Amino acid sequence: MSDIKLDIEEKELLASYEADEWQSVGNLEEKAQAYSEYARATFKKDRRVNIRISNKDLEALQKRALEEGLPYQTLIASVLHKFVSGRLVERG
């Protein structure tokens, strides 16, 4: 495996796996179904909202969305959903 080049994140994942830090998830099929439903509900778009934000904030959102590999409107909707559902946690 020494001929395969890994990026930093891949190296961290491999080290974590080799350190036996990973655990199997019980009821995998049931949990996968639940998270699939959460995702479907999160990204269901049945209402339109117009907001005004600063150019700086919009550019930062677009940059973050690009890093995450998704459209910036989807990122905004996801952040708002996490906030209203109490799953957006402030770092302190």
Protein backbone atom coordinates (compact mmCIF):
# COMPACT_ATOMS: atom_id res chain seq x y z
CA MET A 1 0.00 0.00 0.00
CA SER A 2 3.04 2.27 0.17
CA ASP A 3 2.72 3.14 -3.55
CA ILE A 4 -0.72 4.72 -3.01
CA LYS A 5 -0.67 8.44 -2.23
CA LEU A 6 -3.16 9.54 0.41
CA ASP A 7 -4.18 13.07 1.33
CA ILE A 8 -4.16 14.23 4.95
CA GLU A 9 -7.80 13.32 5.59
CA GLU A 10 -7.31 9.85 4.11
CA LYS A 11 -4.21 9.32 6.26
CA GLU A 12 -6.17 10.34 9.38
CA LEU A 13 -8.97 7.92 8.49
CA LEU A 14 -6.51 5.10 7.87
CA ALA A 15 -4.70 5.75 11.16
CA SER A 16 -8.04 5.80 12.99
CA TYR A 17 -9.07 2.52 11.38
CA GLU A 18 -5.74 0.87 12.10
CA ALA A 19 -5.94 2.03 15.74
CA ASP A 20 -9.21 0.06 15.95
CA GLU A 21 -11.24 3.19 16.78
CA TRP A 22 -14.14 2.25 14.51
CA GLN A 23 -17.19 0.38 15.76
CA SER A 24 -19.98 -1.34 13.91
CA VAL A 25 -23.37 0.33 14.01
CA GLY A 26 -26.23 -1.77 15.27
CA ASN A 27 -29.46 -1.82 13.24
CA LEU A 28 -27.66 -0.41 10.21
CA GLU A 29 -30.58 -0.84 7.83
CA GLU A 30 -33.00 0.83 10.23
CA LYS A 31 -30.64 3.76 10.88
CA ALA A 32 -29.89 4.18 7.16
CA GLN A 33 -33.64 4.38 6.48
CA ALA A 34 -34.13 6.97 9.25
CA TYR A 35 -31.29 9.17 7.99
CA SER A 36 -32.57 8.84 4.45
CA GLU A 37 -35.93 10.18 5.63
CA TYR A 38 -34.20 13.03 7.52
CA ALA A 39 -32.30 13.98 4.37
CA ARG A 40 -35.42 13.84 2.23
CA ALA A 41 -37.29 16.08 4.68
CA THR A 42 -34.34 18.47 4.99
CA PHE A 43 -33.99 18.98 1.27
CA LYS A 44 -37.68 19.04 0.38
CA LYS A 45 -38.24 22.46 -1.08
CA ASP A 46 -41.87 23.44 -1.01
CA ARG A 47 -41.60 27.13 -0.07
CA ARG A 48 -39.62 30.05 -1.45
CA VAL A 49 -37.93 32.67 0.75
CA ASN A 50 -36.09 35.82 -0.31
CA ILE A 51 -33.51 37.26 2.05
CA ARG A 52 -30.94 40.03 1.86
CA ILE A 53 -27.45 39.27 3.14
CA SER A 54 -24.11 40.97 2.78
CA ASN A 55 -21.96 40.24 -0.24
CA LYS A 56 -19.20 39.05 2.10
CA ASP A 57 -21.50 36.50 3.77
CA LEU A 58 -22.83 35.27 0.43
CA GLU A 59 -19.30 34.77 -0.92
CA ALA A 60 -18.33 32.90 2.25
CA LEU A 61 -21.41 30.67 1.92
CA GLN A 62 -20.63 29.98 -1.73
CA LYS A 63 -17.03 29.12 -0.87
CA ARG A 64 -18.10 26.77 1.92
CA ALA A 65 -20.70 25.13 -0.34
CA LEU A 66 -18.05 24.59 -3.01
CA GLU A 67 -15.81 22.92 -0.41
CA GLU A 68 -18.72 20.69 0.62
CA GLY A 69 -19.61 19.90 -2.99
CA LEU A 70 -23.18 21.17 -2.97
CA PRO A 71 -25.14 24.18 -4.21
CA TYR A 72 -25.00 27.18 -1.88
CA GLN A 73 -28.80 27.38 -1.61
CA THR A 74 -28.82 23.78 -0.39
CA LEU A 75 -26.16 24.62 2.20
CA ILE A 76 -28.20 27.60 3.42
CA ALA A 77 -31.34 25.45 3.68
CA SER A 78 -29.40 22.79 5.58
CA VAL A 79 -27.93 25.28 8.06
CA LEU A 80 -31.35 26.82 8.67
CA HIS A 81 -32.90 23.37 9.16
CA LYS A 82 -30.21 22.39 11.66
CA PHE A 83 -30.74 25.66 13.54
CA VAL A 84 -34.51 25.34 13.87
CA SER A 85 -34.27 21.66 14.79
CA GLY A 86 -31.72 22.38 17.54
CA ARG A 87 -28.91 20.45 15.87
CA LEU A 88 -26.73 23.46 15.05
CA VAL A 89 -24.26 23.61 17.91
CA GLU A 90 -22.17 26.67 18.71
CA ARG A 91 -18.46 26.06 19.20
CA GLY A 92 -17.06 27.71 22.25
